[in-house]
């Protein structure tokens, strides 16, 4: 998902998150990140379609220490709470998560 503004600059290759300081030789972090980026893009399009602003809540691609893709949702507390309410409303009466 492309965009403008400073928020987009921080959506780079975040390998392993803040707790991970090492890259393991031979692990293909880029492939995992690319897959995560595709999933994050889909989620960001869904957030936009639901009326959310990506400057307030968004999906961010990353990888774990094994190179597997990870998608994190980052946002303002009040907006994330609003997203949780929306998700809870869509699962109510359906037996929970898919």
Protein backbone atom coordinates (compact mmCIF):
# COMPACT_ATOMS: atom_id res chain seq x y z
CA UNK A 1 0.00 0.00 0.00
CA UNK A 2 1.57 3.26 -0.94
CA UNK A 3 0.91 6.56 0.72
CA UNK A 4 2.35 9.87 1.68
CA UNK A 5 3.47 11.47 4.88
CA UNK A 6 5.96 10.62 7.57
CA UNK A 7 4.00 7.58 8.80
CA UNK A 8 4.83 5.71 5.62
CA UNK A 9 8.56 6.21 6.16
CA UNK A 10 8.49 4.08 9.31
CA UNK A 11 6.92 1.10 7.50
CA UNK A 12 10.23 -0.38 6.44
CA UNK A 13 11.69 -3.81 6.99
CA UNK A 14 11.21 -4.39 10.71
CA UNK A 15 12.92 -7.71 11.30
CA UNK A 16 11.93 -9.40 14.52
CA UNK A 17 10.60 -6.31 16.23
CA UNK A 18 12.24 -4.30 18.97
CA UNK A 19 13.41 -7.34 20.95
CA UNK A 20 15.40 -8.91 18.15
CA UNK A 21 18.89 -7.62 17.51
CA UNK A 22 20.35 -10.28 15.23
CA UNK A 23 19.83 -11.42 11.69
CA UNK A 24 20.52 -15.12 11.27
CA UNK A 25 22.66 -16.02 8.29
CA UNK A 26 20.74 -18.05 5.72
CA UNK A 27 17.27 -16.94 6.84
CA UNK A 28 15.26 -15.33 4.03
CA UNK A 29 13.74 -12.40 5.90
CA UNK A 30 12.82 -10.59 2.68
CA UNK A 31 10.46 -13.34 1.45
CA UNK A 32 8.67 -13.39 4.81
CA UNK A 33 8.43 -9.61 4.83
CA UNK A 34 7.04 -9.53 1.29
CA UNK A 35 4.30 -12.01 2.20
CA UNK A 36 3.52 -10.00 5.34
CA UNK A 37 3.45 -6.81 3.28
CA UNK A 38 0.82 -8.29 0.96
CA UNK A 39 -1.34 -9.28 3.93
CA UNK A 40 -0.82 -5.88 5.56
CA UNK A 41 -1.84 -4.17 2.32
CA UNK A 42 -5.07 -6.23 2.21
CA UNK A 43 -5.84 -5.36 5.82
CA UNK A 44 -5.08 -1.67 5.21
CA UNK A 45 -7.45 -1.63 2.23
CA UNK A 46 -10.13 -3.22 4.45
CA UNK A 47 -9.50 -0.62 7.16
CA UNK A 48 -9.87 2.16 4.59
CA UNK A 49 -13.07 0.54 3.29
CA UNK A 50 -14.45 0.49 6.84
CA UNK A 51 -13.83 4.22 7.19
CA UNK A 52 -10.61 4.17 9.21
CA UNK A 53 -7.72 6.55 8.51
CA UNK A 54 -4.36 4.83 8.09
CA UNK A 55 -2.74 7.70 9.95
CA UNK A 56 -4.71 6.53 13.01
CA UNK A 57 -4.64 2.72 12.69
CA UNK A 58 -2.79 0.52 10.22
CA UNK A 59 -1.26 -2.85 9.56
CA UNK A 60 2.54 -2.99 9.43
CA UNK A 61 4.59 -5.78 7.84
CA UNK A 62 7.43 -7.40 9.75
CA UNK A 63 9.13 -10.77 10.26
CA UNK A 64 9.90 -12.93 13.23
CA UNK A 65 13.33 -14.33 14.13
CA UNK A 66 12.77 -17.29 11.77
CA UNK A 67 11.94 -15.11 8.77
CA UNK A 68 8.20 -15.81 8.88
CA UNK A 69 5.97 -12.91 7.94
CA UNK A 70 4.22 -11.07 10.77
CA UNK A 71 1.60 -8.34 10.53
CA UNK A 72 1.15 -5.95 13.44
CA UNK A 73 -1.77 -3.58 13.92
CA UNK A 74 -0.60 -0.23 15.24
CA UNK A 75 -2.75 2.71 16.10
CA UNK A 76 -4.14 5.19 18.53
CA UNK A 77 -5.81 3.53 21.50
CA UNK A 78 -9.23 5.04 20.87
CA UNK A 79 -9.19 4.02 17.21
CA UNK A 80 -8.02 0.47 17.99
CA UNK A 81 -10.84 0.23 20.53
CA UNK A 82 -13.28 1.31 17.81
CA UNK A 83 -11.86 -1.39 15.52
CA UNK A 84 -12.28 -3.99 18.28
CA UNK A 85 -15.94 -2.99 18.72
CA UNK A 86 -16.49 -3.37 14.97
CA UNK A 87 -14.86 -6.81 14.92
CA UNK A 88 -16.80 -7.94 17.99
CA UNK A 89 -20.04 -6.87 16.33
CA UNK A 90 -19.26 -8.90 13.20
CA UNK A 91 -18.53 -12.07 15.20
CA UNK A 92 -21.44 -11.79 17.64
CA UNK A 93 -23.65 -14.82 17.23
CA UNK A 94 -21.25 -16.60 14.89
CA UNK A 95 -19.41 -18.62 17.51
CA UNK A 96 -16.30 -16.43 17.69
CA UNK A 97 -13.31 -16.14 15.44
CA UNK A 98 -13.13 -17.73 12.01
